[in-house]
C-alpha cells in the first residue's frame, strides 16, 4: 500500500467517501447505499485538488480509483439536483394549472390575461 490509511479517515477531506464510491461497485447498485447528505457534502473541486496535488504520494492505482469515485459522486450529485429541479417544475406546473383553471369565476374574464411587457415595477 503506497498511502497512509489515515488519508481515508480524515475529517477535513472527503477522500474516504470518494474511495467508498469507487469501491462499492457499479453506479446503479453501490453508490445508492451512500446517503444523500454525505454525497452532497462532498466538495468536488477541493477533492480533485487533493487528488491532483496530494500531501503524501499516492500509488497510481489508488489515485485512479479516487478519480473513478469522484466521477461517481459527481454523477450522483447531478442526479439529486436533476430530481429536485424536476420535482419543483412539476409542482410549479401543477400549481399554475390550479390557478389558471376555468373553475374560478371572475367578474372580468379578460383580467386573467396579463400583458407582462406592459407591467412596470416601482423602484
C-alpha atoms as a PDB file:
ATOM      1  CA  UNK A   1       0.000   0.000   0.000  1.00  0.00           C
ATOM      2  CA  UNK A   2       1.533   3.306  -1.113  1.00  0.00           C
ATOM      3  CA  UNK A   3      -0.577   5.621   1.018  1.00  0.00           C
ATOM      4  CA  UNK A   4      -1.338   6.131   4.657  1.00  0.00           C
ATOM      5  CA  UNK A   5      -4.602   4.661   5.924  1.00  0.00           C
ATOM      6  CA  UNK A   6      -5.190   7.924   7.772  1.00  0.00           C
ATOM      7  CA  UNK A   7      -5.842   9.683   4.450  1.00  0.00           C
ATOM      8  CA  UNK A   8      -9.198   7.949   4.102  1.00  0.00           C
ATOM      9  CA  UNK A   9     -10.340   8.658   7.666  1.00  0.00           C
ATOM     10  CA  UNK A  10      -9.531  12.363   7.939  1.00  0.00           C
ATOM     11  CA  UNK A  11     -12.463  14.656   8.631  1.00  0.00           C
ATOM     12  CA  UNK A  12     -11.065  17.622   6.674  1.00  0.00           C
ATOM     13  CA  UNK A  13     -11.374  15.881   3.310  1.00  0.00           C
ATOM     14  CA  UNK A  14     -13.872  13.541   1.721  1.00  0.00           C
ATOM     15  CA  UNK A  15     -11.458  11.047   0.205  1.00  0.00           C
ATOM     16  CA  UNK A  16     -12.928   8.260   2.334  1.00  0.00           C
ATOM     17  CA  UNK A  17     -16.372   8.727   0.826  1.00  0.00           C
ATOM     18  CA  UNK A  18     -14.858   9.049  -2.647  1.00  0.00           C
ATOM     19  CA  UNK A  19     -12.953   5.804  -2.134  1.00  0.00           C
ATOM     20  CA  UNK A  20     -16.136   4.074  -0.934  1.00  0.00           C
ATOM     21  CA  UNK A  21     -17.995   5.295  -4.015  1.00  0.00           C
ATOM     22  CA  UNK A  22     -15.253   3.880  -6.213  1.00  0.00           C
ATOM     23  CA  UNK A  23     -15.102   0.530  -4.417  1.00  0.00           C
ATOM     24  CA  UNK A  24     -18.826  -0.122  -3.913  1.00  0.00           C
ATOM     25  CA  UNK A  25     -19.387  -1.337  -7.426  1.00  0.00           C
ATOM     26  CA  UNK A  26     -21.315  -0.008 -10.333  1.00  0.00           C
ATOM     27  CA  UNK A  27     -23.120   3.324 -10.352  1.00  0.00           C
ATOM     28  CA  UNK A  28     -26.573   1.804 -10.038  1.00  0.00           C
ATOM     29  CA  UNK A  29     -26.007  -0.555  -7.135  1.00  0.00           C
ATOM     30  CA  UNK A  30     -23.213   0.533  -4.841  1.00  0.00           C
ATOM     31  CA  UNK A  31     -23.384   4.297  -4.659  1.00  0.00           C
ATOM     32  CA  UNK A  32     -27.086   4.194  -3.805  1.00  0.00           C
ATOM     33  CA  UNK A  33     -26.059   2.948  -0.357  1.00  0.00           C
ATOM     34  CA  UNK A  34     -24.422   6.301   0.411  1.00  0.00           C
ATOM     35  CA  UNK A  35     -26.670   8.910   1.984  1.00  0.00           C
ATOM     36  CA  UNK A  36     -27.795  11.982   0.073  1.00  0.00           C
ATOM     37  CA  UNK A  37     -26.389  14.250   2.783  1.00  0.00           C
ATOM     38  CA  UNK A  38     -22.928  12.684   2.584  1.00  0.00           C
ATOM     39  CA  UNK A  39     -22.851  12.794  -1.209  1.00  0.00           C
ATOM     40  CA  UNK A  40     -23.987  16.425  -1.345  1.00  0.00           C
ATOM     41  CA  UNK A  41     -21.409  17.473   1.267  1.00  0.00           C
ATOM     42  CA  UNK A  42     -18.522  16.471  -0.997  1.00  0.00           C
ATOM     43  CA  UNK A  43     -16.714  19.454  -2.485  1.00  0.00           C
ATOM     44  CA  UNK A  44     -15.733  18.141  -5.915  1.00  0.00           C
ATOM     45  CA  UNK A  45     -13.248  20.932  -6.700  1.00  0.00           C
ATOM     46  CA  UNK A  46     -11.386  20.566  -3.394  1.00  0.00           C
ATOM     47  CA  UNK A  47     -11.358  16.791  -3.720  1.00  0.00           C
ATOM     48  CA  UNK A  48      -9.925  16.979  -7.232  1.00  0.00           C
ATOM     49  CA  UNK A  49      -7.226  19.329  -5.962  1.00  0.00           C
ATOM     50  CA  UNK A  50      -6.445  16.884  -3.137  1.00  0.00           C
ATOM     51  CA  UNK A  51      -6.092  14.063  -5.665  1.00  0.00           C
ATOM     52  CA  UNK A  52      -4.029  16.006  -8.195  1.00  0.00           C
ATOM     53  CA  UNK A  53      -1.730  17.571  -5.583  1.00  0.00           C
ATOM     54  CA  UNK A  54      -1.661  15.144  -2.633  1.00  0.00           C
ATOM     55  CA  UNK A  55       0.080  15.957   0.628  1.00  0.00           C
ATOM     56  CA  UNK A  56       1.570  12.453   0.539  1.00  0.00           C
ATOM     57  CA  UNK A  57       2.386  10.476  -2.609  1.00  0.00           C
ATOM     58  CA  UNK A  58      -0.365   8.167  -3.882  1.00  0.00           C
ATOM     59  CA  UNK A  59       0.000   4.968  -5.826  1.00  0.00           C
ATOM     60  CA  UNK A  60      -1.224   5.238  -9.392  1.00  0.00           C
ATOM     61  CA  UNK A  61      -3.942   2.660  -8.827  1.00  0.00           C
ATOM     62  CA  UNK A  62      -5.173   4.434  -5.690  1.00  0.00           C
ATOM     63  CA  UNK A  63      -5.349   7.817  -7.429  1.00  0.00           C
ATOM     64  CA  UNK A  64      -7.176   6.279 -10.398  1.00  0.00           C
ATOM     65  CA  UNK A  65      -9.686   4.674  -8.018  1.00  0.00           C
ATOM     66  CA  UNK A  66     -10.220   8.057  -6.391  1.00  0.00           C
ATOM     67  CA  UNK A  67     -10.845   9.631  -9.804  1.00  0.00           C
ATOM     68  CA  UNK A  68     -13.468   6.978 -10.548  1.00  0.00           C
ATOM     69  CA  UNK A  69     -15.058   7.742  -7.183  1.00  0.00           C
ATOM     70  CA  UNK A  70     -15.127  11.466  -7.959  1.00  0.00           C
ATOM     71  CA  UNK A  71     -16.960  10.841 -11.220  1.00  0.00           C
ATOM     72  CA  UNK A  72     -19.494   8.604  -9.480  1.00  0.00           C
ATOM     73  CA  UNK A  73     -20.120  11.122  -6.697  1.00  0.00           C
ATOM     74  CA  UNK A  74     -20.416  13.966  -9.220  1.00  0.00           C
ATOM     75  CA  UNK A  75     -22.909  11.944 -11.262  1.00  0.00           C
ATOM     76  CA  UNK A  76     -24.921  11.232  -8.118  1.00  0.00           C
ATOM     77  CA  UNK A  77     -24.873  14.922  -7.118  1.00  0.00           C
ATOM     78  CA  UNK A  78     -26.111  15.817 -10.592  1.00  0.00           C
ATOM     79  CA  UNK A  79     -28.813  13.161 -10.325  1.00  0.00           C
ATOM     80  CA  UNK A  80     -30.015  14.576  -6.991  1.00  0.00           C
ATOM     81  CA  UNK A  81     -30.037  18.087  -8.454  1.00  0.00           C
ATOM     82  CA  UNK A  82     -31.919  16.959 -11.563  1.00  0.00           C
ATOM     83  CA  UNK A  83     -34.557  15.168  -9.489  1.00  0.00           C
ATOM     84  CA  UNK A  84     -35.032  18.218  -7.243  1.00  0.00           C
ATOM     85  CA  UNK A  85     -35.384  20.595 -10.201  1.00  0.00           C
ATOM     86  CA  UNK A  86     -37.759  18.229 -11.975  1.00  0.00           C
ATOM     87  CA  UNK A  87     -39.932  17.892  -8.852  1.00  0.00           C
ATOM     88  CA  UNK A  88     -40.048  21.668  -8.477  1.00  0.00           C
ATOM     89  CA  UNK A  89     -41.010  22.050 -12.142  1.00  0.00           C
ATOM     90  CA  UNK A  90     -43.849  19.538 -11.751  1.00  0.00           C
ATOM     91  CA  UNK A  91     -45.116  21.328  -8.629  1.00  0.00           C
ATOM     92  CA  UNK A  92     -44.994  24.708 -10.355  1.00  0.00           C
ATOM     93  CA  UNK A  93     -46.874  23.392 -13.377  1.00  0.00           C
ATOM     94  CA  UNK A  94     -49.491  21.787 -11.128  1.00  0.00           C
ATOM     95  CA  UNK A  95     -49.958  24.914  -9.012  1.00  0.00           C
ATOM     96  CA  UNK A  96     -50.090  27.146 -12.069  1.00  0.00           C
ATOM     97  CA  UNK A  97     -52.697  24.879 -13.641  1.00  0.00           C
ATOM     98  CA  UNK A  98     -54.808  25.180 -10.493  1.00  0.00           C
ATOM     99  CA  UNK A  99     -54.595  28.963 -10.586  1.00  0.00           C
ATOM    100  CA  UNK A 100     -55.437  29.145 -14.281  1.00  0.00           C
ATOM    101  CA  UNK A 101     -58.238  26.611 -14.117  1.00  0.00           C
ATOM    102  CA  UNK A 102     -61.574  27.577 -15.542  1.00  0.00           C
ATOM    103  CA  UNK A 103     -63.313  26.761 -12.257  1.00  0.00           C
ATOM    104  CA  UNK A 104     -62.534  30.233 -10.976  1.00  0.00           C
ATOM    105  CA  UNK A 105     -65.407  32.593 -11.652  1.00  0.00           C
ATOM    106  CA  UNK A 106     -64.075  36.013 -12.464  1.00  0.00           C
ATOM    107  CA  UNK A 107     -66.128  39.141 -12.865  1.00  0.00           C
ATOM    108  CA  UNK A 108     -63.860  40.252 -15.693  1.00  0.00           C
ATOM    109  CA  UNK A 109     -62.600  37.192 -17.635  1.00  0.00           C
ATOM    110  CA  UNK A 110     -60.122  39.292 -19.604  1.00  0.00           C
ATOM    111  CA  UNK A 111     -58.347  40.134 -16.327  1.00  0.00           C
ATOM    112  CA  UNK A 112     -56.926  36.608 -16.381  1.00  0.00           C
ATOM    113  CA  UNK A 113     -54.743  37.535 -19.354  1.00  0.00           C
ATOM    114  CA  UNK A 114     -51.880  39.691 -18.173  1.00  0.00           C
ATOM    115  CA  UNK A 115     -49.583  41.520 -20.506  1.00  0.00           C
ATOM    116  CA  UNK A 116     -46.273  41.163 -18.682  1.00  0.00           C
ATOM    117  CA  UNK A 117     -44.487  43.518 -21.054  1.00  0.00           C
ATOM    118  CA  UNK A 118     -46.731  46.407 -20.105  1.00  0.00           C
ATOM    119  CA  UNK A 119     -46.194  45.886 -16.374  1.00  0.00           C
ATOM    120  CA  UNK A 120     -43.785  48.254 -14.709  1.00  0.00           C
ATOM    121  CA  UNK A 121     -42.225  47.883 -11.315  1.00  0.00           C
ATOM    122  CA  UNK A 122     -41.955  50.766  -8.908  1.00  0.00           C
ATOM    123  CA  UNK A 123     -38.416  51.295  -7.739  1.00  0.00           C
END
